[in-house]
Amino acid sequence: MSSAAIGPSPPSVIKDRRLGFLIWQSISTASIYLLSSLLLLLLPLRRRLFSLSDFLLSFLSLQAFLLLLSSSFLILLSPSPVPAASLPELLISLLKSTLKCVIGGFSGSVFTEDSIFRARRSLKSIFFLVVCLVAGTFSVAAACWDSDEGAYALGMRGAVFGLVYGAHYLFRKRWILKFPIIQRPLFYSFKKGFYLSFPRALKMSVQGFVYSFVLLLFLHDEYKVKATIGRWVNNQIRVFLGIFIVSFCWEMSHHLLQVVHTRRFIFAPPQGSAAAETNPSETLLEALEQSPPKSLLQHLAYFDLCMVSENNTEPWRRAAFFEESGETYRCVVRACLRPLENFTSKLVEGLEGKYGDRSDLFLEQMSPPMDSHAYSKLNGAFDDFEICAWSARSLAALTARSCREDRCGVAQISGCNTTAITTLLTSLLAVEACIGKKTGGPSTSQFLSPTTMKWATVSTGKKDYRVTAVTVKKQDELHNKAYAIADVLRTSIYQIVSAFWADMQASAKSMTLDRDWIGGKPLFGARAVLVQKLFNFIEYRAV
């Protein structure tokens, strides 16, 4: 596991990474353009007389608009999905605001904090499309400076390519950072990105070329090139190669954006320094507790915590968690529990529903499984998927390692082990209810629908509420995330059970499993269901 060198402080790490991305992007795209221009000189295509001034103007124009596009990448960048307001919502909010100003004066506002945030996200997306249109227009014209195509036609074709690329980028949500499971050296990441960006650039350039060619057919004759068939074919090949060069530069910029921003940052002073000897965990705890929610800094802090907890590359940092007072360990555990508890609470809100006086359970089970509002709530619960996964893995690794590395016994004395296993079990039960899996328990009712789907009903301890299993369509994004987080939670629980198997087995035989390993009131499910689920893990029958 390679790690980034310890350099800037946490508040400046984001600025430094943005600056580093812009530098690497300029170097890589300049190299691609210069190399491609050299190769194009060797192709038997008709070209204008080579002019050094035209080439330099083309090169500088292309670099300038690539820098503009890269800046829009940074504006749109986010480590987690961010909801955006739709066009009808924006129009309705604008209309309400206008009516309020005309009728009720300028006091007050019809916009809530959430609506303002969603509107900003939508405006960022619109701005990104405009930048793609402008950058595509001038970049394609700069890349095809020696073709026979007219400037107006080249601009139109570049604009179409920019819109196609921008729409694809937004629709596929490529602006979301995806942290790699294994951190590779930078050179390996750049090399891998080169091979991945090539087919993607080819696909996008083909789409942009085809759509722009169709649009070109409807242009006036004065904007069309009048030439022989051979010259016309050569010119179309030259235009396609120019679009491909621009597309490849954009794809490489996107890949560099992902690589630079998802590199691990070590939230610790250098080993051997005075700060490392006194309190090496202060920087990490500060980033975990004070970083803004869903920010890149928060993701980097949880990622670093997960790497320290699971791996042995920095055992001195993990040993500092188990200091004698136990305050550091409790702070780390609280930081891991917070995302999991928020995740479980959001799932419970999405699963709960009032049914009033309806007593026909069969009709209740046969009713539509999920409306759009419930689906949006459940889908929103998985927005912090990576942080929840890192928290579960860190919590499980620290709890399991405390059996051997906690010399002072702070984990056992503080009751963090019981809280950890309870929280993981509760989250797992909520996720299993979300995907429609039977949650277990001796008193769980089962119903069978015509499609042989098993339905489960689990009491949350609230009156007049019933949590029903929600079916999710296969191959759905919510379906995939739910099964993925369920695997992470199940593996984490097994990791803890394997470390404390003898103690749990003794508690199970003495019928004290509830008292010894289940603490507090669970956010989802009854204590009896949690005990039954934990017993299944002890017997290695939980799947």
Protein backbone atom coordinates (compact mmCIF):
# COMPACT_ATOMS: atom_id res chain seq x y z
CA MET A 1 0.00 0.00 0.00
CA SER A 2 1.68 3.13 -1.18
CA SER A 3 0.87 6.40 0.45
CA ALA A 4 1.28 10.01 -0.40
CA ALA A 5 4.04 11.97 1.19
CA ILE A 6 3.23 14.10 4.16
CA GLY A 7 3.25 17.66 2.98
CA PRO A 8 0.70 20.42 3.41
CA SER A 9 -1.68 20.84 6.30
CA PRO A 10 -5.28 19.57 5.97
CA PRO A 11 -6.87 22.98 5.28
CA SER A 12 -4.60 23.57 2.29
CA VAL A 13 -4.62 20.04 0.87
CA ILE A 14 -7.65 20.72 -1.36
CA LYS A 15 -6.11 23.87 -2.85
CA ASP A 16 -2.81 22.11 -3.46
CA ARG A 17 -4.52 19.20 -5.17
CA ARG A 18 -6.50 21.50 -7.44
CA LEU A 19 -3.35 23.34 -8.40
CA GLY A 20 -1.54 20.04 -8.95
CA PHE A 21 -4.36 18.82 -11.17
CA LEU A 22 -4.20 21.92 -13.36
CA ILE A 23 -0.44 21.54 -13.72
CA TRP A 24 -0.58 17.84 -14.58
CA GLN A 25 -3.47 18.47 -16.95
CA SER A 26 -1.51 21.14 -18.83
CA ILE A 27 1.54 18.90 -19.14
CA SER A 28 -0.37 15.81 -20.28
CA THR A 29 -2.63 17.57 -22.81
CA ALA A 30 0.31 19.52 -24.25
CA SER A 31 2.23 16.28 -24.72
CA ILE A 32 -0.78 14.61 -26.35
CA TYR A 33 -1.33 17.49 -28.77
CA LEU A 34 2.30 17.80 -29.75
CA LEU A 35 2.69 14.06 -30.28
CA SER A 36 -0.56 13.78 -32.25
CA SER A 37 0.40 16.75 -34.43
CA LEU A 38 3.71 15.09 -35.21
CA LEU A 39 1.96 11.84 -36.16
CA LEU A 40 -0.59 13.65 -38.33
CA LEU A 41 2.22 15.15 -40.36
CA LEU A 42 3.12 11.63 -41.47
CA LEU A 43 -0.39 10.74 -42.66
CA PRO A 44 -1.12 11.06 -46.40
CA LEU A 45 -3.84 13.65 -45.87
CA ARG A 46 -4.13 16.90 -47.73
CA ARG A 47 -2.97 19.72 -45.49
CA ARG A 48 -2.39 23.40 -45.87
CA LEU A 49 1.08 24.80 -46.01
CA PHE A 50 2.63 24.40 -42.56
CA SER A 51 2.85 27.69 -40.67
CA LEU A 52 4.59 27.94 -37.33
CA SER A 53 2.50 30.93 -36.26
CA ASP A 54 -0.75 29.08 -37.04
CA PHE A 55 0.48 26.04 -35.13
CA LEU A 56 1.42 28.10 -32.05
CA LEU A 57 -1.92 29.91 -32.14
CA SER A 58 -3.72 26.57 -32.36
CA PHE A 59 -1.67 25.12 -29.50
CA LEU A 60 -2.20 28.09 -27.18
CA SER A 61 -5.93 28.29 -27.98
CA LEU A 62 -6.38 24.60 -27.27
CA GLN A 63 -4.51 24.86 -23.95
CA ALA A 64 -6.51 27.92 -22.88
CA PHE A 65 -9.89 26.27 -23.45
CA LEU A 66 -8.69 23.02 -21.87
CA LEU A 67 -7.81 25.07 -18.81
CA LEU A 68 -11.31 26.57 -18.87
CA LEU A 69 -12.87 23.11 -19.08
CA SER A 70 -10.66 21.82 -16.25
CA SER A 71 -11.80 24.72 -14.07
CA SER A 72 -15.43 23.75 -14.72
CA PHE A 73 -14.53 20.17 -13.71
CA LEU A 74 -13.36 21.52 -10.35
CA ILE A 75 -16.55 23.53 -9.88
CA LEU A 76 -18.71 20.49 -10.55
CA LEU A 77 -16.55 18.05 -8.59
CA SER A 78 -18.05 16.29 -5.55
CA PRO A 79 -17.08 13.14 -3.57
CA SER A 80 -20.73 12.11 -3.16
CA PRO A 81 -23.97 12.50 -5.15
CA VAL A 82 -25.50 15.95 -4.80
CA PRO A 83 -29.21 16.51 -5.57
CA ALA A 84 -30.04 19.16 -8.13
CA ALA A 85 -33.28 20.96 -8.82
CA SER A 86 -35.07 20.13 -12.04
CA LEU A 87 -36.03 22.77 -14.58
CA PRO A 88 -39.74 22.79 -13.53
CA GLU A 89 -38.70 23.25 -9.89
CA LEU A 90 -36.49 26.18 -10.82
CA LEU A 91 -39.26 27.80 -12.84
CA ILE A 92 -41.86 27.28 -10.09
CA SER A 93 -39.53 28.69 -7.42
CA LEU A 94 -38.73 31.68 -9.61
CA LEU A 95 -42.44 32.27 -10.26
CA LYS A 96 -43.26 32.08 -6.54
CA SER A 97 -40.47 34.51 -5.73
CA THR A 98 -41.70 36.94 -8.39
CA LEU A 99 -45.29 36.78 -7.14
CA LYS A 100 -44.16 37.33 -3.56
CA CYS A 101 -42.15 40.39 -4.58
CA VAL A 102 -45.08 41.84 -6.54
CA ILE A 103 -47.84 41.04 -4.02
CA GLY A 104 -46.20 40.86 -0.60
CA GLY A 105 -43.17 43.06 -0.98
CA PHE A 106 -39.55 42.03 -0.67
CA SER A 107 -39.67 40.80 2.95
CA GLY A 108 -39.05 37.11 3.50
CA SER A 109 -38.11 34.45 0.98
CA VAL A 110 -39.84 31.45 -0.55
CA PHE A 111 -36.53 29.61 -0.92
CA THR A 112 -35.47 27.17 1.76
CA GLU A 113 -31.85 26.27 2.42
CA ASP A 114 -32.29 22.95 0.63
CA SER A 115 -33.92 24.53 -2.40
CA ILE A 116 -31.13 27.11 -2.65
CA PHE A 117 -28.52 24.35 -2.49
CA ARG A 118 -30.31 22.32 -5.19
CA ALA A 119 -30.70 25.43 -7.35
CA ARG A 120 -26.97 26.16 -7.09
CA ARG A 121 -26.21 22.63 -8.17
CA SER A 122 -28.48 23.01 -11.20
CA LEU A 123 -26.84 26.30 -12.12
CA LYS A 124 -23.43 24.65 -11.88
CA SER A 125 -24.61 21.94 -14.27
CA ILE A 126 -25.94 24.53 -16.72
CA PHE A 127 -22.68 26.46 -16.46
CA PHE A 128 -20.75 23.27 -17.17
CA LEU A 129 -22.79 22.63 -20.33
CA VAL A 130 -22.14 26.19 -21.51
CA VAL A 131 -18.41 25.76 -20.88
CA CYS A 132 -18.42 22.47 -22.78
CA LEU A 133 -20.16 24.15 -25.70
CA VAL A 134 -17.69 27.05 -25.79
CA ALA A 135 -14.62 24.87 -25.18
CA GLY A 136 -15.75 22.37 -27.82
CA THR A 137 -16.34 25.12 -30.37
CA PHE A 138 -12.91 26.66 -30.12
CA SER A 139 -10.95 23.50 -29.25
CA VAL A 140 -12.12 21.59 -32.32
CA ALA A 141 -11.46 24.66 -34.49
CA ALA A 142 -7.96 24.89 -33.01
CA ALA A 143 -7.27 21.18 -33.48
CA CYS A 144 -8.47 21.29 -37.12
CA TRP A 145 -6.76 24.54 -38.03
CA ASP A 146 -5.27 23.06 -41.24
CA SER A 147 -8.46 21.46 -42.61
CA ASP A 148 -10.53 22.69 -45.54
CA GLU A 149 -13.65 23.00 -43.37
CA GLY A 150 -14.89 26.53 -42.91
CA ALA A 151 -14.55 28.27 -39.55
CA TYR A 152 -18.34 28.43 -39.08
CA ALA A 153 -18.79 24.74 -39.86
CA LEU A 154 -15.92 23.75 -37.58
CA GLY A 155 -17.40 25.85 -34.79
CA MET A 156 -20.79 24.20 -35.20
CA ARG A 157 -19.28 20.73 -35.16
CA GLY A 158 -17.23 21.55 -32.10
CA ALA A 159 -20.27 22.93 -30.31
CA VAL A 160 -22.24 19.75 -31.00
CA PHE A 161 -19.37 17.63 -29.71
CA GLY A 162 -19.12 19.78 -26.56
CA LEU A 163 -22.84 19.42 -25.86
CA VAL A 164 -22.71 15.65 -26.41
CA TYR A 165 -19.73 15.30 -24.08
CA GLY A 166 -21.23 17.56 -21.41
CA ALA A 167 -24.59 15.79 -21.45
CA HIS A 168 -22.89 12.40 -21.20
CA TYR A 169 -20.69 13.65 -18.35
CA LEU A 170 -23.68 14.88 -16.35
CA PHE A 171 -25.99 11.96 -17.12
CA ARG A 172 -23.37 9.37 -16.13
CA LYS A 173 -22.51 11.39 -12.99
CA ARG A 174 -18.84 11.27 -13.81
CA TRP A 175 -18.26 14.31 -11.62
CA ILE A 176 -18.47 12.06 -8.53
CA LEU A 177 -15.08 11.05 -7.17
CA LYS A 178 -14.49 7.31 -7.00
CA PHE A 179 -11.81 6.32 -4.52
CA PRO A 180 -9.84 3.25 -5.65
CA ILE A 181 -9.76 0.20 -3.40
CA ILE A 182 -5.97 -0.09 -3.78
CA GLN A 183 -3.75 2.98 -3.96
CA ARG A 184 -1.29 2.64 -6.84
CA PRO A 185 1.76 4.76 -7.63
CA LEU A 186 1.05 7.84 -9.68
CA PHE A 187 2.89 6.54 -12.74
CA TYR A 188 0.82 3.34 -12.73
CA SER A 189 -2.39 5.35 -12.35
CA PHE A 190 -1.47 7.63 -15.26
CA LYS A 191 -0.57 4.66 -17.43
CA LYS A 192 -3.81 2.89 -16.62
CA GLY A 193 -5.77 6.05 -17.34
CA PHE A 194 -4.14 6.32 -20.74
CA TYR A 195 -5.50 2.91 -21.79
CA LEU A 196 -8.91 3.60 -20.26
CA SER A 197 -9.27 7.05 -21.78
CA PHE A 198 -8.49 5.93 -25.32
CA PRO A 199 -11.65 3.82 -25.95
CA ARG A 200 -13.85 6.33 -24.13
CA ALA A 201 -12.46 9.18 -26.21
CA LEU A 202 -12.99 7.14 -29.37
CA LYS A 203 -16.61 6.48 -28.43
CA MET A 204 -17.32 10.12 -27.62
CA SER A 205 -15.56 11.37 -30.75
CA VAL A 206 -17.59 9.01 -32.96
CA GLN A 207 -20.84 10.24 -31.42
CA GLY A 208 -19.81 13.88 -31.71
CA PHE A 209 -18.65 13.42 -35.30
CA VAL A 210 -21.86 11.67 -36.39
CA TYR A 211 -24.21 14.17 -34.73
CA SER A 212 -22.24 17.14 -36.03
CA PHE A 213 -22.14 15.64 -39.53
CA VAL A 214 -25.93 15.26 -39.52
CA LEU A 215 -26.28 18.87 -38.41
CA LEU A 216 -23.87 19.94 -41.13
CA LEU A 217 -26.23 18.57 -43.78
CA PHE A 218 -28.80 21.21 -42.84
CA LEU A 219 -26.42 24.15 -43.14
CA HIS A 220 -26.63 26.57 -46.01
CA ASP A 221 -24.59 25.73 -49.09
CA GLU A 222 -22.26 28.67 -48.59
CA TYR A 223 -20.89 27.04 -45.40
CA LYS A 224 -20.22 23.69 -47.05
CA VAL A 225 -16.94 22.68 -48.61
CA LYS A 226 -17.05 22.29 -52.37
CA ALA A 227 -14.38 19.79 -53.35
CA THR A 228 -13.83 16.49 -55.05
CA ILE A 229 -14.79 13.25 -53.36
CA GLY A 230 -11.19 12.49 -52.44
CA ARG A 231 -10.54 15.86 -50.88
CA TRP A 232 -13.90 15.71 -49.10
CA VAL A 233 -13.10 12.29 -47.59
CA ASN A 234 -9.64 13.43 -46.53
CA ASN A 235 -11.15 16.52 -44.93
CA GLN A 236 -13.71 14.47 -42.96
CA ILE A 237 -10.95 12.18 -41.73
CA ARG A 238 -8.96 15.22 -40.63
CA VAL A 239 -11.97 16.64 -38.78
CA PHE A 240 -12.62 13.33 -37.05
CA LEU A 241 -9.00 13.11 -35.92
CA GLY A 242 -9.20 16.65 -34.59
CA ILE A 243 -12.36 15.82 -32.60
CA PHE A 244 -10.68 12.67 -31.32
CA ILE A 245 -7.62 14.62 -30.13
CA VAL A 246 -9.86 17.05 -28.24
CA SER A 247 -11.91 14.19 -26.78
CA PHE A 248 -8.77 12.33 -25.71
CA CYS A 249 -7.40 15.44 -23.99
CA TRP A 250 -10.70 15.91 -22.15
CA GLU A 251 -10.78 12.27 -21.04
CA MET A 252 -7.21 12.45 -19.79
CA SER A 253 -8.09 15.61 -17.86
CA HIS A 254 -11.01 13.80 -16.25
CA HIS A 255 -8.80 10.86 -15.32
CA LEU A 256 -6.14 13.11 -13.82
CA LEU A 257 -8.88 14.85 -11.85
CA GLN A 258 -9.88 11.52 -10.31
CA VAL A 259 -6.31 10.35 -9.64
CA VAL A 260 -5.05 13.56 -8.04
CA HIS A 261 -8.07 14.10 -5.78
CA THR A 262 -8.46 10.49 -4.60
CA ARG A 263 -4.86 10.06 -3.48
CA ARG A 264 -4.56 9.21 0.19
CA PHE A 265 -3.56 12.07 2.47
CA ILE A 266 -1.83 11.16 5.75
CA PHE A 267 -3.37 13.13 8.62
CA ALA A 268 -0.39 12.75 10.92
CA PRO A 269 2.92 14.48 11.67
CA PRO A 270 6.12 12.86 10.39
CA GLN A 271 7.22 9.84 12.39
CA GLY A 272 9.95 10.72 14.84
CA SER A 273 8.91 14.35 15.25
CA ALA A 274 7.87 15.85 18.57
CA ALA A 275 4.21 15.99 17.53
CA ALA A 276 4.27 12.30 16.64
CA GLU A 277 5.57 11.46 20.10
CA THR A 278 2.99 13.54 21.99
CA ASN A 279 -0.33 13.38 20.09
CA PRO A 280 -0.14 11.89 16.57
CA SER A 281 -3.94 11.57 16.27
CA GLU A 282 -4.82 15.23 16.80
CA THR A 283 -4.78 16.17 13.11
CA LEU A 284 -6.93 13.19 12.13
CA LEU A 285 -9.49 13.76 14.88
CA GLU A 286 -9.74 17.43 13.97
CA ALA A 287 -10.41 16.54 10.33
CA LEU A 288 -13.00 13.91 11.30
CA GLU A 289 -14.94 16.19 13.63
CA GLN A 290 -14.62 19.62 12.02
CA SER A 291 -14.59 18.97 8.28
CA PRO A 292 -17.83 19.92 6.47
CA PRO A 293 -20.24 17.03 5.78
CA LYS A 294 -19.83 15.30 2.41
CA SER A 295 -16.70 17.33 1.69
CA LEU A 296 -13.56 15.99 0.09
CA LEU A 297 -11.60 16.65 3.28
CA GLN A 298 -14.03 14.48 5.25
CA HIS A 299 -13.70 11.66 2.74
CA LEU A 300 -9.92 11.82 2.88
CA ALA A 301 -9.99 11.72 6.69
CA TYR A 302 -12.21 8.62 6.83
CA PHE A 303 -10.16 6.97 4.11
CA ASP A 304 -6.95 7.59 6.07
CA LEU A 305 -8.57 6.22 9.23
CA CYS A 306 -9.59 3.06 7.38
CA MET A 307 -6.08 2.54 6.04
CA VAL A 308 -4.54 2.99 9.50
CA SER A 309 -7.06 0.63 11.12
CA GLU A 310 -6.80 -2.20 8.60
CA ASN A 311 -3.15 -2.17 7.54
CA ASN A 312 0.14 -2.57 9.34
CA THR A 313 2.12 0.03 7.41
CA GLU A 314 1.70 2.57 10.26
CA PRO A 315 1.25 0.57 13.47
CA TRP A 316 2.48 3.49 15.59
CA ARG A 317 -0.55 5.54 14.58
CA ARG A 318 -2.99 2.77 15.47
CA ALA A 319 -1.21 2.19 18.78
CA ALA A 320 -1.80 5.86 19.60
CA PHE A 321 -5.57 5.24 19.45
CA PHE A 322 -5.30 2.94 22.49
CA GLU A 323 -3.62 5.48 24.80
CA GLU A 324 -4.17 5.11 28.54
CA SER A 325 -6.92 7.67 29.08
CA GLY A 326 -9.11 6.12 26.37
CA GLU A 327 -10.34 9.50 25.16
CA THR A 328 -8.72 9.16 21.74
CA TYR A 329 -10.27 5.73 21.18
CA ARG A 330 -13.71 6.97 22.20
CA CYS A 331 -13.40 9.92 19.81
CA VAL A 332 -12.40 7.62 16.95
CA VAL A 333 -15.27 5.23 17.67
CA ARG A 334 -17.76 8.11 17.85
CA ALA A 335 -16.50 9.35 14.49
CA CYS A 336 -17.11 5.88 13.03
CA LEU A 337 -20.53 5.47 14.63
CA ARG A 338 -21.86 8.83 13.47
CA PRO A 339 -22.13 8.00 9.72
CA LEU A 340 -23.57 4.55 10.41
CA GLU A 341 -26.23 5.90 12.76
CA ASN A 342 -27.20 8.63 10.29
CA PHE A 343 -27.32 6.03 7.53
CA THR A 344 -29.60 3.75 9.59
CA SER A 345 -31.87 6.63 10.58
CA LYS A 346 -32.34 7.65 6.94
CA LEU A 347 -33.13 4.05 5.98
CA VAL A 348 -35.72 3.82 8.75
CA GLU A 349 -37.34 7.06 7.56
CA GLY A 350 -37.56 5.65 4.06
CA LEU A 351 -38.95 2.31 5.18
CA GLU A 352 -41.54 3.50 7.69
CA GLY A 353 -45.14 4.16 6.62
CA LYS A 354 -48.49 4.63 8.26
CA TYR A 355 -51.33 2.33 7.26
CA GLY A 356 -54.08 3.61 9.57
CA ASP A 357 -56.91 1.14 10.07
CA ARG A 358 -55.89 -1.18 7.25
CA SER A 359 -56.07 -4.68 8.68
CA ASP A 360 -55.76 -6.77 5.54
CA LEU A 361 -52.09 -7.65 5.59
CA PHE A 362 -52.27 -9.47 2.28
CA LEU A 363 -53.59 -6.38 0.51
CA GLU A 364 -50.97 -4.36 2.34
CA GLN A 365 -48.22 -6.59 1.01
CA MET A 366 -49.74 -6.56 -2.49
CA SER A 367 -49.81 -2.77 -2.61
CA PRO A 368 -47.20 -0.92 -4.71
CA PRO A 369 -43.88 -1.54 -2.95
CA MET A 370 -42.45 1.93 -3.22
CA ASP A 371 -43.50 5.39 -4.30
CA SER A 372 -41.19 8.04 -5.68
CA HIS A 373 -40.91 9.86 -2.36
CA ALA A 374 -39.91 6.70 -0.46
CA TYR A 375 -37.51 5.75 -3.23
CA SER A 376 -35.84 9.17 -3.12
CA LYS A 377 -35.43 8.87 0.66
CA LEU A 378 -33.89 5.42 0.40
CA ASN A 379 -31.65 6.47 -2.47
CA GLY A 380 -30.53 9.52 -0.51
CA ALA A 381 -29.50 7.32 2.41
CA PHE A 382 -26.82 5.73 0.21
CA ASP A 383 -25.27 9.04 -0.86
CA ASP A 384 -22.55 8.62 1.79
CA PHE A 385 -21.88 5.04 0.74
CA GLU A 386 -18.09 5.29 0.83
CA ILE A 387 -17.93 6.99 4.23
CA CYS A 388 -20.31 4.39 5.70
CA ALA A 389 -18.19 1.57 4.27
CA TRP A 390 -14.95 3.08 5.60
CA SER A 391 -16.57 3.67 9.00
CA ALA A 392 -17.77 0.07 9.24
CA ARG A 393 -14.39 -1.31 8.18
CA SER A 394 -12.51 0.97 10.58
CA LEU A 395 -14.84 0.15 13.45
CA ALA A 396 -14.53 -3.57 12.85
CA ALA A 397 -10.75 -3.48 12.44
CA LEU A 398 -10.17 -1.44 15.60
CA THR A 399 -12.57 -3.58 17.63
CA ALA A 400 -10.97 -6.80 16.44
CA ARG A 401 -7.42 -5.52 16.96
CA SER A 402 -8.27 -4.28 20.45
CA CYS A 403 -8.32 -7.91 21.52
CA ARG A 404 -4.53 -8.04 21.00
CA GLU A 405 -3.26 -4.46 20.80
CA ASP A 406 -5.30 -2.74 23.52
CA ARG A 407 -2.91 -3.20 26.43
CA CYS A 408 -4.81 -0.81 28.71
CA GLY A 409 -8.22 -2.30 27.96
CA VAL A 410 -9.80 1.03 27.03
CA ALA A 411 -12.05 -0.55 24.37
CA GLN A 412 -13.58 -3.04 26.80
CA ILE A 413 -13.85 -0.66 29.76
CA SER A 414 -15.48 2.15 27.75
CA GLY A 415 -18.13 -0.19 26.33
CA CYS A 416 -17.19 0.65 22.75
CA ASN A 417 -17.13 -3.03 21.72
CA THR A 418 -20.79 -3.49 22.63
CA THR A 419 -21.77 -0.25 20.90
CA ALA A 420 -19.85 -1.23 17.77
CA ILE A 421 -21.47 -4.66 17.35
CA THR A 422 -24.94 -3.24 18.10
CA THR A 423 -24.59 -0.46 15.53
CA LEU A 424 -23.29 -2.79 12.82
CA LEU A 425 -26.10 -5.30 13.42
CA THR A 426 -28.74 -2.56 13.38
CA SER A 427 -27.42 -1.14 10.10
CA LEU A 428 -27.32 -4.60 8.56
CA LEU A 429 -30.94 -5.32 9.55
CA ALA A 430 -32.06 -2.01 8.02
CA VAL A 431 -30.22 -2.72 4.76
CA GLU A 432 -31.63 -6.25 4.57
CA ALA A 433 -35.13 -4.84 5.06
CA CYS A 434 -34.41 -2.38 2.25
CA ILE A 435 -33.57 -5.16 -0.22
CA GLY A 436 -36.50 -7.32 0.92
CA LYS A 437 -34.50 -10.00 2.67
CA LYS A 438 -35.91 -11.95 5.59
CA THR A 439 -34.36 -10.35 8.65
CA GLY A 440 -34.64 -13.35 10.92
CA GLY A 441 -36.07 -13.76 14.40
CA PRO A 442 -38.35 -16.51 15.65
CA SER A 443 -41.51 -14.38 15.58
CA THR A 444 -41.02 -12.83 12.18
CA SER A 445 -44.11 -13.15 9.99
CA GLN A 446 -43.68 -14.37 6.45
CA PHE A 447 -45.91 -13.74 3.47
CA LEU A 448 -45.64 -15.10 0.00
CA SER A 449 -46.59 -13.05 -3.01
CA PRO A 450 -47.49 -14.50 -6.43
CA THR A 451 -43.88 -13.91 -7.50
CA THR A 452 -42.58 -16.07 -4.60
CA MET A 453 -40.99 -13.05 -2.91
CA LYS A 454 -40.61 -13.35 0.86
CA TRP A 455 -41.77 -10.33 2.80
CA ALA A 456 -40.72 -9.49 6.34
CA THR A 457 -42.33 -7.31 9.01
CA VAL A 458 -40.16 -6.08 11.84
CA SER A 459 -41.30 -3.88 14.69
CA THR A 460 -39.31 -0.74 15.38
CA GLY A 461 -40.85 -0.15 18.77
CA LYS A 462 -42.96 2.78 17.53
CA LYS A 463 -46.72 2.73 17.78
CA ASP A 464 -48.91 2.72 14.69
CA TYR A 465 -45.89 2.19 12.45
CA ARG A 466 -44.90 -0.83 10.50
CA VAL A 467 -41.69 -1.30 8.53
CA THR A 468 -42.18 -3.32 5.41
CA ALA A 469 -39.61 -4.80 3.15
CA VAL A 470 -39.19 -2.71 0.02
CA THR A 471 -38.49 -4.46 -3.23
CA VAL A 472 -35.98 -2.82 -5.51
CA LYS A 473 -35.64 -3.55 -9.18
CA LYS A 474 -32.63 -5.59 -10.12
CA GLN A 475 -29.71 -3.80 -11.74
CA ASP A 476 -30.90 -0.62 -10.07
CA GLU A 477 -28.33 1.73 -8.55
CA LEU A 478 -30.03 1.51 -5.15
CA HIS A 479 -30.13 -2.28 -5.44
CA ASN A 480 -26.39 -2.49 -6.15
CA LYS A 481 -25.39 -0.13 -3.34
CA ALA A 482 -27.62 -1.93 -0.82
CA TYR A 483 -26.06 -5.31 -1.57
CA ALA A 484 -22.56 -3.81 -1.51
CA ILE A 485 -22.98 -2.14 1.89
CA ALA A 486 -24.63 -5.31 3.22
CA ASP A 487 -21.51 -7.27 2.26
CA VAL A 488 -19.29 -4.71 3.99
CA LEU A 489 -21.38 -4.81 7.17
CA ARG A 490 -21.56 -8.60 7.18
CA THR A 491 -17.79 -8.91 6.71
CA SER A 492 -17.18 -6.35 9.48
CA ILE A 493 -19.38 -8.24 11.94
CA TYR A 494 -17.66 -11.53 11.09
CA GLN A 495 -14.30 -9.85 11.71
CA ILE A 496 -15.36 -8.87 15.24
CA VAL A 497 -16.98 -12.25 15.90
CA SER A 498 -13.83 -14.07 14.81
CA ALA A 499 -11.73 -12.04 17.25
CA PHE A 500 -14.10 -12.50 20.21
CA TRP A 501 -15.58 -15.86 19.25
CA ALA A 502 -14.71 -17.60 22.52
CA ASP A 503 -16.26 -14.85 24.66
CA MET A 504 -19.38 -14.69 22.50
CA GLN A 505 -19.74 -18.44 22.49
CA ALA A 506 -19.57 -18.48 26.29
CA SER A 507 -22.18 -15.70 26.49
CA ALA A 508 -24.45 -17.60 24.11
CA LYS A 509 -24.21 -20.77 26.22
CA SER A 510 -24.94 -18.87 29.42
CA MET A 511 -27.86 -17.00 27.76
CA THR A 512 -26.24 -13.60 28.48
CA LEU A 513 -25.59 -12.60 24.88
CA ASP A 514 -28.18 -9.83 25.14
CA ARG A 515 -26.59 -8.34 28.22
CA ASP A 516 -22.95 -8.74 27.20
CA TRP A 517 -22.96 -7.69 23.52
CA ILE A 518 -26.19 -5.76 22.78
CA GLY A 519 -26.27 -2.31 24.31
CA GLY A 520 -28.80 0.50 24.28
CA LYS A 521 -31.98 0.80 22.27
CA PRO A 522 -31.40 -0.08 18.61
CA LEU A 523 -32.52 2.36 15.92
CA PHE A 524 -34.10 -0.47 13.94
CA GLY A 525 -35.46 -3.85 15.01
CA ALA A 526 -35.98 -5.29 18.47
CA ARG A 527 -33.22 -6.50 20.80
CA ALA A 528 -34.44 -10.08 20.35
CA VAL A 529 -33.92 -9.82 16.59
CA LEU A 530 -30.41 -8.44 17.11
CA VAL A 531 -29.56 -11.28 19.51
CA GLN A 532 -30.84 -13.86 17.03
CA LYS A 533 -28.85 -12.22 14.24
CA LEU A 534 -25.67 -12.16 16.35
CA PHE A 535 -26.21 -15.83 17.25
CA ASN A 536 -26.33 -16.63 13.54
CA PHE A 537 -22.96 -14.90 13.12
CA ILE A 538 -21.49 -16.84 16.03
CA GLU A 539 -22.65 -20.08 14.42
CA TYR A 540 -21.32 -18.81 11.03
CA ARG A 541 -24.76 -19.14 9.50
CA ALA A 542 -25.38 -15.48 8.63
CA VAL A 543 -25.44 -14.96 4.85
